[in-house]
Amino acid sequence: MIESVKYKLESINIDKPSQQPKAAVLLGICNYEAYVDQPALIYTVRSSNLSTHSGEVSFPGGKAEEGDTSLHHTAIREAQEEINLNPNDVNFLGRMNYLISKHKIEVNPIVASIDNPQKFIKNPEIEHIFTVPINYLLEKNNIFEETIERQGAKWIVPTWRYDNQKIWGLTAMITVNFLNHCFDAGIEIKAG
């Protein structure tokens, strides 16, 4: 499965960078012994004490900093800071096209395989760390629809509920793009 994901990501023609500030998120695919039959994506719940996106489900990640050598480096650095991900256990698979957040940030999804067991430890920005099997995300019966407003337009976006959490908004849109591109899921994001 990992080789197939890597192959599909190689076919993406990455958009030219926007003029917006850059950020990167890590779509970490747990691919070690505990997940051998069901690879899963890593999600976090942001602290309710944060000024933006508080209490929301997200991927590990954040804004690019001056010392970052690439967006891939940004995603790995942020995941190490937020969830104690060991960078030595990360196998870069590729990246997807960015989305612009409601706060006008260019969010770049970086996809990687996590090939060894991790001792996830949340930092103060994170309230909860959980994984969701990719097969669960692909199952049509697990997908619900929600209307969100983005860039002055209304969109009907798929959402998921898992581990008492709601995957929605930009995180859901990134998840949909990943599933559609790497697994031919055919999940729609519709204009509302």
N, C-alpha and C. Protein backbone atom coordinates (compact mmCIF):
# COMPACT_ATOMS: atom_id res chain seq x y z
N MET A 1 0.81 -1.20 0.00
CA MET A 1 0.00 0.00 0.00
C MET A 1 0.86 1.27 0.00
N ILE A 2 1.93 1.27 0.78
CA ILE A 2 2.78 2.45 0.87
C ILE A 2 3.43 2.77 -0.48
N GLU A 3 3.89 1.75 -1.18
CA GLU A 3 4.51 1.98 -2.50
C GLU A 3 3.50 2.55 -3.48
N SER A 4 2.25 2.09 -3.39
CA SER A 4 1.18 2.61 -4.25
C SER A 4 0.92 4.09 -3.95
N VAL A 5 0.89 4.45 -2.68
CA VAL A 5 0.68 5.85 -2.28
C VAL A 5 1.82 6.71 -2.81
N LYS A 6 3.05 6.24 -2.64
CA LYS A 6 4.21 6.99 -3.11
C LYS A 6 4.15 7.20 -4.63
N TYR A 7 3.79 6.15 -5.34
CA TYR A 7 3.68 6.23 -6.81
C TYR A 7 2.62 7.26 -7.21
N LYS A 8 1.47 7.24 -6.54
CA LYS A 8 0.39 8.17 -6.89
C LYS A 8 0.78 9.61 -6.56
N LEU A 9 1.50 9.81 -5.47
CA LEU A 9 1.92 11.16 -5.10
C LEU A 9 2.93 11.72 -6.09
N GLU A 10 3.73 10.85 -6.68
CA GLU A 10 4.72 11.30 -7.67
C GLU A 10 4.05 11.90 -8.90
N SER A 11 2.79 11.53 -9.14
CA SER A 11 2.10 12.03 -10.33
C SER A 11 1.46 13.40 -10.14
N ILE A 12 1.51 13.94 -8.92
CA ILE A 12 0.91 15.24 -8.66
C ILE A 12 1.78 16.34 -9.25
N ASN A 13 1.16 17.21 -10.00
CA ASN A 13 1.84 18.40 -10.52
C ASN A 13 1.61 19.51 -9.50
N ILE A 14 2.61 19.78 -8.67
CA ILE A 14 2.46 20.71 -7.55
C ILE A 14 2.25 22.14 -8.06
N ASP A 15 1.23 22.80 -7.49
CA ASP A 15 0.93 24.19 -7.85
C ASP A 15 2.09 25.11 -7.48
N LYS A 16 2.21 26.21 -8.20
CA LYS A 16 3.20 27.23 -7.86
C LYS A 16 2.83 27.81 -6.50
N PRO A 17 3.84 28.17 -5.68
CA PRO A 17 3.53 28.73 -4.36
C PRO A 17 2.67 29.99 -4.46
N SER A 18 1.83 30.17 -3.47
CA SER A 18 1.03 31.39 -3.40
C SER A 18 1.88 32.49 -2.76
N GLN A 19 1.29 33.65 -2.59
CA GLN A 19 1.97 34.75 -1.92
C GLN A 19 1.65 34.77 -0.43
N GLN A 20 0.91 33.76 0.04
CA GLN A 20 0.50 33.69 1.44
C GLN A 20 1.62 33.08 2.30
N PRO A 21 1.59 33.33 3.62
CA PRO A 21 2.54 32.67 4.52
C PRO A 21 2.38 31.14 4.40
N LYS A 22 3.49 30.43 4.57
CA LYS A 22 3.50 28.98 4.36
C LYS A 22 3.40 28.21 5.68
N ALA A 23 2.72 27.08 5.59
CA ALA A 23 2.65 26.12 6.68
C ALA A 23 2.67 24.73 6.06
N ALA A 24 2.97 23.73 6.87
CA ALA A 24 2.95 22.35 6.40
C ALA A 24 2.34 21.47 7.47
N VAL A 25 1.57 20.48 7.03
CA VAL A 25 1.00 19.50 7.94
C VAL A 25 1.48 18.13 7.51
N LEU A 26 1.57 17.21 8.47
CA LEU A 26 2.04 15.86 8.20
C LEU A 26 0.88 14.88 8.17
N LEU A 27 0.68 14.25 7.03
CA LEU A 27 -0.24 13.13 6.94
C LEU A 27 0.62 11.89 7.18
N GLY A 28 0.76 11.54 8.45
CA GLY A 28 1.60 10.42 8.85
C GLY A 28 0.80 9.13 8.79
N ILE A 29 1.26 8.20 7.97
CA ILE A 29 0.60 6.90 7.85
C ILE A 29 1.33 5.92 8.75
N CYS A 30 0.68 5.48 9.82
CA CYS A 30 1.27 4.47 10.70
C CYS A 30 1.32 3.16 9.94
N ASN A 31 2.53 2.64 9.77
CA ASN A 31 2.74 1.48 8.91
C ASN A 31 3.67 0.48 9.58
N TYR A 32 3.58 0.37 10.89
CA TYR A 32 4.42 -0.59 11.59
C TYR A 32 3.55 -1.73 12.12
N GLU A 33 4.17 -2.64 12.84
CA GLU A 33 3.54 -3.91 13.21
C GLU A 33 2.10 -3.80 13.70
N ALA A 34 1.83 -2.88 14.60
CA ALA A 34 0.47 -2.73 15.15
C ALA A 34 -0.54 -2.33 14.07
N TYR A 35 -0.05 -1.79 12.95
CA TYR A 35 -0.93 -1.29 11.89
C TYR A 35 -0.76 -2.06 10.59
N VAL A 36 -0.09 -3.20 10.63
CA VAL A 36 0.24 -3.90 9.39
C VAL A 36 -1.01 -4.25 8.57
N ASP A 37 -2.10 -4.59 9.23
CA ASP A 37 -3.33 -4.94 8.51
C ASP A 37 -4.21 -3.73 8.25
N GLN A 38 -4.02 -2.67 9.00
CA GLN A 38 -4.85 -1.47 8.87
C GLN A 38 -4.02 -0.21 9.05
N PRO A 39 -3.27 0.21 8.03
CA PRO A 39 -2.54 1.47 8.14
C PRO A 39 -3.51 2.60 8.51
N ALA A 40 -3.02 3.55 9.32
CA ALA A 40 -3.89 4.60 9.84
C ALA A 40 -3.19 5.95 9.77
N LEU A 41 -4.00 7.01 9.65
CA LEU A 41 -3.49 8.38 9.67
C LEU A 41 -3.48 8.91 11.10
N ILE A 42 -2.49 9.74 11.39
CA ILE A 42 -2.36 10.36 12.71
C ILE A 42 -3.08 11.71 12.69
N TYR A 43 -3.96 11.92 13.66
CA TYR A 43 -4.65 13.19 13.84
C TYR A 43 -4.38 13.69 15.27
N THR A 44 -4.57 14.98 15.46
CA THR A 44 -4.46 15.57 16.80
C THR A 44 -5.71 16.41 17.06
N VAL A 45 -5.92 16.69 18.32
CA VAL A 45 -6.94 17.68 18.73
C VAL A 45 -6.17 18.82 19.37
N ARG A 46 -6.36 20.01 18.82
CA ARG A 46 -5.64 21.18 19.32
C ARG A 46 -6.20 21.62 20.68
N SER A 47 -5.33 22.17 21.49
CA SER A 47 -5.71 22.62 22.82
C SER A 47 -6.85 23.65 22.74
N SER A 48 -7.74 23.58 23.70
CA SER A 48 -8.85 24.55 23.76
C SER A 48 -8.35 25.91 24.24
N ASN A 49 -7.08 26.00 24.64
CA ASN A 49 -6.50 27.28 25.10
C ASN A 49 -5.86 28.09 23.98
N LEU A 50 -5.81 27.55 22.77
CA LEU A 50 -5.17 28.25 21.66
C LEU A 50 -6.10 29.32 21.08
N SER A 51 -5.50 30.35 20.49
CA SER A 51 -6.30 31.46 19.96
C SER A 51 -6.94 31.12 18.61
N THR A 52 -6.36 30.21 17.83
CA THR A 52 -6.97 29.81 16.56
C THR A 52 -7.13 28.30 16.52
N HIS A 53 -8.22 27.88 15.93
CA HIS A 53 -8.53 26.45 15.74
C HIS A 53 -8.54 25.68 17.06
N SER A 54 -8.87 26.34 18.16
CA SER A 54 -8.85 25.67 19.46
C SER A 54 -9.87 24.54 19.49
N GLY A 55 -9.45 23.41 20.04
CA GLY A 55 -10.32 22.25 20.19
C GLY A 55 -10.63 21.52 18.90
N GLU A 56 -10.03 21.92 17.80
CA GLU A 56 -10.33 21.29 16.50
C GLU A 56 -9.38 20.15 16.20
N VAL A 57 -9.88 19.19 15.42
CA VAL A 57 -9.05 18.10 14.93
C VAL A 57 -8.18 18.64 13.80
N SER A 58 -6.91 18.25 13.81
CA SER A 58 -5.99 18.70 12.78
C SER A 58 -4.93 17.63 12.56
N PHE A 59 -4.10 17.85 11.56
CA PHE A 59 -2.90 17.05 11.39
C PHE A 59 -1.79 17.76 12.14
N PRO A 60 -0.77 17.03 12.63
CA PRO A 60 0.38 17.73 13.21
C PRO A 60 0.97 18.68 12.16
N GLY A 61 1.36 19.87 12.57
CA GLY A 61 1.94 20.80 11.62
C GLY A 61 1.88 22.22 12.11
N GLY A 62 2.39 23.12 11.28
CA GLY A 62 2.39 24.53 11.65
C GLY A 62 3.12 25.37 10.63
N LYS A 63 3.33 26.62 10.98
CA LYS A 63 3.95 27.58 10.07
C LYS A 63 5.42 27.28 9.87
N ALA A 64 5.87 27.56 8.65
CA ALA A 64 7.29 27.44 8.32
C ALA A 64 8.07 28.48 9.10
N GLU A 65 9.24 28.09 9.58
CA GLU A 65 10.12 29.00 10.30
C GLU A 65 11.37 29.25 9.48
N GLU A 66 12.07 30.30 9.82
CA GLU A 66 13.23 30.73 9.05
C GLU A 66 14.27 29.62 8.87
N GLY A 67 14.50 28.80 9.87
CA GLY A 67 15.52 27.75 9.79
C GLY A 67 15.09 26.51 9.03
N ASP A 68 13.81 26.41 8.64
CA ASP A 68 13.33 25.23 7.92
C ASP A 68 13.93 25.20 6.52
N THR A 69 14.45 24.05 6.13
CA THR A 69 15.07 23.92 4.81
C THR A 69 14.06 23.60 3.72
N SER A 70 12.87 23.14 4.10
CA SER A 70 11.82 22.79 3.14
C SER A 70 10.50 22.66 3.89
N LEU A 71 9.41 22.55 3.15
CA LEU A 71 8.11 22.32 3.78
C LEU A 71 8.07 20.93 4.42
N HIS A 72 8.78 19.98 3.83
CA HIS A 72 8.90 18.65 4.41
C HIS A 72 9.55 18.78 5.79
N HIS A 73 10.60 19.58 5.88
CA HIS A 73 11.28 19.80 7.16
C HIS A 73 10.32 20.46 8.16
N THR A 74 9.53 21.42 7.70
CA THR A 74 8.56 22.08 8.58
C THR A 74 7.59 21.07 9.18
N ALA A 75 7.03 20.19 8.34
CA ALA A 75 6.04 19.21 8.81
C ALA A 75 6.66 18.26 9.84
N ILE A 76 7.87 17.78 9.56
CA ILE A 76 8.53 16.84 10.47
C ILE A 76 8.90 17.55 11.78
N ARG A 77 9.43 18.75 11.69
CA ARG A 77 9.80 19.51 12.90
C ARG A 77 8.58 19.73 13.79
N GLU A 78 7.48 20.16 13.16
CA GLU A 78 6.25 20.42 13.92
C GLU A 78 5.70 19.13 14.54
N ALA A 79 5.74 18.02 13.81
CA ALA A 79 5.25 16.75 14.35
C ALA A 79 6.12 16.28 15.51
N GLN A 80 7.41 16.53 15.40
CA GLN A 80 8.30 16.18 16.51
C GLN A 80 7.96 17.02 17.74
N GLU A 81 7.73 18.32 17.54
CA GLU A 81 7.40 19.21 18.65
C GLU A 81 6.04 18.89 19.26
N GLU A 82 5.05 18.64 18.41
CA GLU A 82 3.67 18.49 18.88
C GLU A 82 3.35 17.12 19.45
N ILE A 83 3.88 16.04 18.83
CA ILE A 83 3.47 14.69 19.25
C ILE A 83 4.66 13.78 19.54
N ASN A 84 5.89 14.34 19.57
CA ASN A 84 7.09 13.57 19.87
C ASN A 84 7.39 12.52 18.79
N LEU A 85 7.07 12.82 17.55
CA LEU A 85 7.37 11.90 16.45
C LEU A 85 8.88 11.84 16.24
N ASN A 86 9.42 10.63 16.14
CA ASN A 86 10.84 10.45 15.91
C ASN A 86 11.13 10.65 14.42
N PRO A 87 11.86 11.70 14.04
CA PRO A 87 12.12 11.97 12.62
C PRO A 87 12.85 10.84 11.90
N ASN A 88 13.61 10.03 12.65
CA ASN A 88 14.34 8.92 12.04
C ASN A 88 13.42 7.80 11.56
N ASP A 89 12.18 7.81 12.03
CA ASP A 89 11.22 6.76 11.66
C ASP A 89 10.26 7.21 10.56
N VAL A 90 10.54 8.36 9.96
CA VAL A 90 9.65 8.94 8.96
C VAL A 90 10.23 8.71 7.56
N ASN A 91 9.42 8.13 6.69
CA ASN A 91 9.81 7.89 5.30
C ASN A 91 8.95 8.79 4.42
N PHE A 92 9.55 9.85 3.88
CA PHE A 92 8.83 10.81 3.04
C PHE A 92 8.29 10.11 1.79
N LEU A 93 6.99 10.28 1.54
CA LEU A 93 6.35 9.67 0.37
C LEU A 93 6.04 10.69 -0.71
N GLY A 94 5.78 11.93 -0.33
CA GLY A 94 5.45 12.96 -1.31
C GLY A 94 4.62 14.06 -0.68
N ARG A 95 4.18 14.96 -1.53
CA ARG A 95 3.32 16.03 -1.03
C ARG A 95 2.16 16.23 -1.98
N MET A 96 1.15 16.90 -1.45
CA MET A 96 -0.04 17.21 -2.22
C MET A 96 -0.11 18.72 -2.40
N ASN A 97 -1.00 19.16 -3.26
CA ASN A 97 -1.18 20.59 -3.47
C ASN A 97 -1.74 21.24 -2.22
N TYR A 98 -1.32 22.46 -2.02
CA TYR A 98 -1.74 23.21 -0.83
C TYR A 98 -3.20 23.65 -0.94
N LEU A 99 -3.75 23.98 0.21
CA LEU A 99 -5.03 24.65 0.34
C LEU A 99 -4.77 25.93 1.12
N ILE A 100 -5.57 26.94 0.88
CA ILE A 100 -5.45 28.20 1.62
C ILE A 100 -6.46 28.15 2.77
N SER A 101 -5.98 28.33 3.99
CA SER A 101 -6.85 28.28 5.17
C SER A 101 -7.70 29.55 5.26
N LYS A 102 -8.67 29.52 6.15
CA LYS A 102 -9.53 30.70 6.34
C LYS A 102 -8.74 31.87 6.90
N HIS A 103 -7.55 31.60 7.45
CA HIS A 103 -6.69 32.67 7.96
C HIS A 103 -5.63 33.08 6.93
N LYS A 104 -5.87 32.68 5.66
CA LYS A 104 -4.99 33.06 4.53
C LYS A 104 -3.56 32.50 4.68
N ILE A 105 -3.47 31.25 5.13
CA ILE A 105 -2.20 30.54 5.24
C ILE A 105 -2.19 29.46 4.16
N GLU A 106 -1.08 29.33 3.44
CA GLU A 106 -0.90 28.26 2.46
C GLU A 106 -0.51 26.99 3.23
N VAL A 107 -1.43 26.03 3.31
CA VAL A 107 -1.20 24.80 4.07
C VAL A 107 -0.81 23.68 3.11
N ASN A 108 0.41 23.18 3.25
CA ASN A 108 0.97 22.17 2.36
C ASN A 108 0.96 20.80 3.04
N PRO A 109 0.19 19.84 2.52
CA PRO A 109 0.15 18.50 3.09
C PRO A 109 1.37 17.67 2.64
N ILE A 110 2.11 17.18 3.62
CA ILE A 110 3.27 16.32 3.39
C ILE A 110 2.87 14.92 3.84
N VAL A 111 3.07 13.92 2.96
CA VAL A 111 2.65 12.55 3.26
C VAL A 111 3.90 11.72 3.56
N ALA A 112 3.85 10.97 4.66
CA ALA A 112 4.98 10.14 5.05
C ALA A 112 4.49 8.86 5.72
N SER A 113 5.31 7.85 5.60
CA SER A 113 5.08 6.58 6.28
C SER A 113 5.85 6.60 7.60
N ILE A 114 5.19 6.21 8.67
CA ILE A 114 5.83 6.09 9.98
C ILE A 114 6.07 4.59 10.17
N ASP A 115 7.35 4.18 10.09
CA ASP A 115 7.66 2.76 9.94
C ASP A 115 8.06 2.04 11.22
N ASN A 116 8.13 2.74 12.34
CA ASN A 116 8.48 2.11 13.62
C ASN A 116 7.54 2.60 14.70
N PRO A 117 7.30 1.77 15.72
CA PRO A 117 6.42 2.19 16.81
C PRO A 117 6.89 3.52 17.42
N GLN A 118 5.91 4.32 17.82
CA GLN A 118 6.18 5.64 18.38
C GLN A 118 5.64 5.73 19.80
N LYS A 119 6.29 6.54 20.60
CA LYS A 119 5.76 6.89 21.92
C LYS A 119 5.26 8.32 21.79
N PHE A 120 4.00 8.46 21.35
CA PHE A 120 3.46 9.79 21.16
C PHE A 120 3.28 10.48 22.50
N ILE A 121 3.77 11.70 22.58
CA ILE A 121 3.61 12.54 23.77
C ILE A 121 3.16 13.90 23.27
N LYS A 122 2.03 14.37 23.77
CA LYS A 122 1.49 15.64 23.30
C LYS A 122 2.17 16.80 24.02
N ASN A 123 2.40 17.88 23.27
CA ASN A 123 2.91 19.10 23.90
C ASN A 123 1.71 19.96 24.32
N PRO A 124 1.92 21.12 24.95
CA PRO A 124 0.79 21.93 25.43
C PRO A 124 -0.19 22.40 24.35
N GLU A 125 0.23 22.41 23.08
CA GLU A 125 -0.68 22.82 22.00
C GLU A 125 -1.71 21.74 21.66
N ILE A 126 -1.47 20.52 22.12
CA ILE A 126 -2.27 19.36 21.73
C ILE A 126 -2.99 18.78 22.94
N GLU A 127 -4.29 18.51 22.79
CA GLU A 127 -5.07 17.87 23.86
C GLU A 127 -5.14 16.37 23.70
N HIS A 128 -5.09 15.89 22.45
CA HIS A 128 -5.32 14.46 22.21
C HIS A 128 -4.65 14.07 20.90
N ILE A 129 -4.12 12.85 20.86
CA ILE A 129 -3.53 12.27 19.64
C ILE A 129 -4.29 10.98 19.38
N PHE A 130 -4.72 10.78 18.13
CA PHE A 130 -5.41 9.54 17.80
C PHE A 130 -5.13 9.16 16.35
N THR A 131 -5.34 7.90 16.03
CA THR A 131 -5.15 7.42 14.66
C THR A 131 -6.49 6.91 14.13
N VAL A 132 -6.66 7.04 12.82
CA VAL A 132 -7.88 6.58 12.16
C VAL A 132 -7.47 5.66 11.02
N PRO A 133 -7.95 4.40 11.02
CA PRO A 133 -7.62 3.50 9.91
C PRO A 133 -8.06 4.09 8.58
N ILE A 134 -7.21 3.98 7.59
CA ILE A 134 -7.54 4.49 6.25
C ILE A 134 -8.78 3.80 5.72
N ASN A 135 -8.94 2.50 6.01
CA ASN A 135 -10.14 1.78 5.55
C ASN A 135 -11.41 2.38 6.13
N TYR A 136 -11.35 2.87 7.38
CA TYR A 136 -12.51 3.52 8.00
C TYR A 136 -12.86 4.79 7.22
N LEU A 137 -11.84 5.56 6.87
CA LEU A 137 -12.07 6.81 6.14
C LEU A 137 -12.63 6.56 4.74
N LEU A 138 -12.27 5.44 4.15
CA LEU A 138 -12.73 5.10 2.79
C LEU A 138 -14.16 4.55 2.77
N GLU A 139 -14.63 4.04 3.90
CA GLU A 139 -15.96 3.43 3.96
C GLU A 139 -17.04 4.51 3.85
N LYS A 140 -17.83 4.45 2.78
CA LYS A 140 -18.85 5.48 2.50
C LYS A 140 -19.83 5.67 3.66
N ASN A 141 -20.17 4.60 4.38
CA ASN A 141 -21.13 4.71 5.49
C ASN A 141 -20.59 5.53 6.66
N ASN A 142 -19.29 5.77 6.69
CA ASN A 142 -18.70 6.55 7.78
C ASN A 142 -18.58 8.03 7.45
N ILE A 143 -19.00 8.42 6.25
CA ILE A 143 -18.84 9.80 5.79
C ILE A 143 -20.16 10.55 5.93
N PHE A 144 -20.10 11.71 6.56
CA PHE A 144 -21.25 12.59 6.69
C PHE A 144 -20.94 13.88 5.95
N GLU A 145 -21.95 14.69 5.69
CA GLU A 145 -21.73 15.95 4.98
C GLU A 145 -22.02 17.13 5.89
N GLU A 146 -21.25 18.19 5.69
CA GLU A 146 -21.43 19.40 6.46
C GLU A 146 -21.17 20.59 5.54
N THR A 147 -21.93 21.65 5.72
CA THR A 147 -21.73 22.85 4.92
C THR A 147 -20.78 23.79 5.65
N ILE A 148 -19.74 24.25 4.92
CA ILE A 148 -18.81 25.23 5.49
C ILE A 148 -18.68 26.39 4.51
N GLU A 149 -18.26 27.53 5.01
CA GLU A 149 -18.03 28.69 4.16
C GLU A 149 -16.54 28.90 3.99
N ARG A 150 -16.08 28.97 2.74
CA ARG A 150 -14.66 29.15 2.44
C ARG A 150 -14.53 30.16 1.32
N GLN A 151 -13.75 31.18 1.55
CA GLN A 151 -13.46 32.19 0.55
C GLN A 151 -14.74 32.75 -0.09
N GLY A 152 -15.73 33.03 0.76
CA GLY A 152 -16.97 33.64 0.30
C GLY A 152 -17.95 32.69 -0.36
N ALA A 153 -17.63 31.41 -0.39
CA ALA A 153 -18.52 30.43 -1.03
C ALA A 153 -18.88 29.35 0.00
N LYS A 154 -20.04 28.72 -0.21
CA LYS A 154 -20.45 27.62 0.65
C LYS A 154 -20.08 26.31 -0.03
N TRP A 155 -19.55 25.38 0.77
CA TRP A 155 -19.14 24.07 0.27
C TRP A 155 -19.75 22.99 1.15
N ILE A 156 -20.14 21.90 0.51
CA ILE A 156 -20.60 20.73 1.24
C ILE A 156 -19.41 19.79 1.31
N VAL A 157 -18.90 19.62 2.52
CA VAL A 157 -17.65 18.89 2.74
C VAL A 157 -17.92 17.62 3.54
N PRO A 158 -17.30 16.51 3.15
CA PRO A 158 -17.41 15.29 3.94
C PRO A 158 -16.79 15.48 5.32
N THR A 159 -17.35 14.85 6.32
CA THR A 159 -16.80 14.84 7.68
C THR A 159 -16.84 13.41 8.19
N TRP A 160 -16.03 13.13 9.18
CA TRP A 160 -16.01 11.83 9.82
C TRP A 160 -16.09 12.03 11.32
N ARG A 161 -16.65 11.04 12.01
CA ARG A 161 -16.63 11.00 13.48
C ARG A 161 -15.89 9.72 13.85
N TYR A 162 -14.88 9.90 14.71
CA TYR A 162 -14.08 8.76 15.13
C TYR A 162 -13.44 9.09 16.48
N ASP A 163 -13.41 8.12 17.38
CA ASP A 163 -12.79 8.31 18.69
C ASP A 163 -13.35 9.56 19.39
N ASN A 164 -14.66 9.73 19.30
CA ASN A 164 -15.37 10.89 19.89
C ASN A 164 -14.87 12.22 19.34
N GLN A 165 -14.30 12.21 18.14
CA GLN A 165 -13.80 13.42 17.51
C GLN A 165 -14.47 13.62 16.16
N LYS A 166 -14.50 14.86 15.72
CA LYS A 166 -15.08 15.21 14.43
C LYS A 166 -13.99 15.74 13.51
N ILE A 167 -13.77 15.04 12.40
CA ILE A 167 -12.80 15.46 11.39
C ILE A 167 -13.59 16.26 10.37
N TRP A 168 -13.31 17.56 10.30
CA TRP A 168 -14.10 18.44 9.45
C TRP A 168 -13.24 19.59 8.93
N GLY A 169 -13.86 20.50 8.19
CA GLY A 169 -13.19 21.71 7.71
C GLY A 169 -11.98 21.43 6.85
N LEU A 170 -10.94 22.22 7.02
CA LEU A 170 -9.73 22.10 6.20
C LEU A 170 -9.09 20.72 6.36
N THR A 171 -9.09 20.18 7.58
CA THR A 171 -8.52 18.85 7.81
C THR A 171 -9.28 17.80 7.01
N ALA A 172 -10.60 17.91 6.97
CA ALA A 172 -11.40 16.98 6.17
C ALA A 172 -11.12 17.16 4.68
N MET A 173 -10.96 18.40 4.24
CA MET A 173 -10.69 18.64 2.82
C MET A 173 -9.33 18.04 2.42
N ILE A 174 -8.33 18.17 3.28
CA ILE A 174 -7.03 17.56 3.01
C ILE A 174 -7.17 16.04 2.99
N THR A 175 -7.93 15.49 3.94
CA THR A 175 -8.16 14.05 3.99
C THR A 175 -8.82 13.56 2.71
N VAL A 176 -9.84 14.28 2.25
CA VAL A 176 -10.54 13.92 1.00
C VAL A 176 -9.57 13.93 -0.18
N ASN A 177 -8.78 14.99 -0.29
CA ASN A 177 -7.81 15.07 -1.39
C ASN A 177 -6.85 13.88 -1.37
N PHE A 178 -6.37 13.53 -0.19
CA PHE A 178 -5.47 12.38 -0.03
C PHE A 178 -6.16 11.08 -0.46
N LEU A 179 -7.35 10.84 0.05
CA LEU A 179 -8.07 9.60 -0.26
C LEU A 179 -8.41 9.52 -1.74
N ASN A 180 -8.84 10.63 -2.31
CA ASN A 180 -9.20 10.64 -3.74
C ASN A 180 -7.98 10.40 -4.62
N HIS A 181 -6.89 11.05 -4.29
CA HIS A 181 -5.72 10.94 -5.16
C HIS A 181 -5.01 9.59 -4.99
N CYS A 182 -4.85 9.15 -3.76
CA CYS A 182 -4.06 7.94 -3.51
C CYS A 182 -4.86 6.65 -3.52
N PHE A 183 -6.18 6.73 -3.35
CA PHE A 183 -7.01 5.53 -3.27
C PHE A 183 -8.20 5.57 -4.23
N ASP A 184 -8.24 6.57 -5.12
CA ASP A 184 -9.36 6.69 -6.08
C ASP A 184 -10.71 6.59 -5.37
N ALA A 185 -10.85 7.28 -4.23
CA ALA A 185 -12.05 7.16 -3.40
C ALA A 185 -13.31 7.78 -4.02
N GLY A 186 -13.16 8.78 -4.85
CA GLY A 186 -14.33 9.42 -5.45
C GLY A 186 -15.21 10.15 -4.47
N ILE A 187 -14.65 10.67 -3.39
CA ILE A 187 -15.40 11.42 -2.40
C ILE A 187 -15.53 12.86 -2.91
N GLU A 188 -16.75 13.38 -2.89
CA GLU A 188 -17.00 14.70 -3.47
C GLU A 188 -17.00 15.82 -2.44
N ILE A 189 -16.45 16.96 -2.85
CA ILE A 189 -16.64 18.23 -2.15
C ILE A 189 -17.47 19.06 -3.12
N LYS A 190 -18.67 19.44 -2.71
CA LYS A 190 -19.60 20.10 -3.64
C LYS A 190 -19.85 21.54 -3.24
N ALA A 191 -20.08 22.36 -4.23
CA ALA A 191 -20.49 23.74 -3.97
C ALA A 191 -21.90 23.69 -3.39
N GLY A 192 -22.12 24.51 -2.36
CA GLY A 192 -23.41 24.50 -1.69
C GLY A 192 -24.19 25.66 -2.12
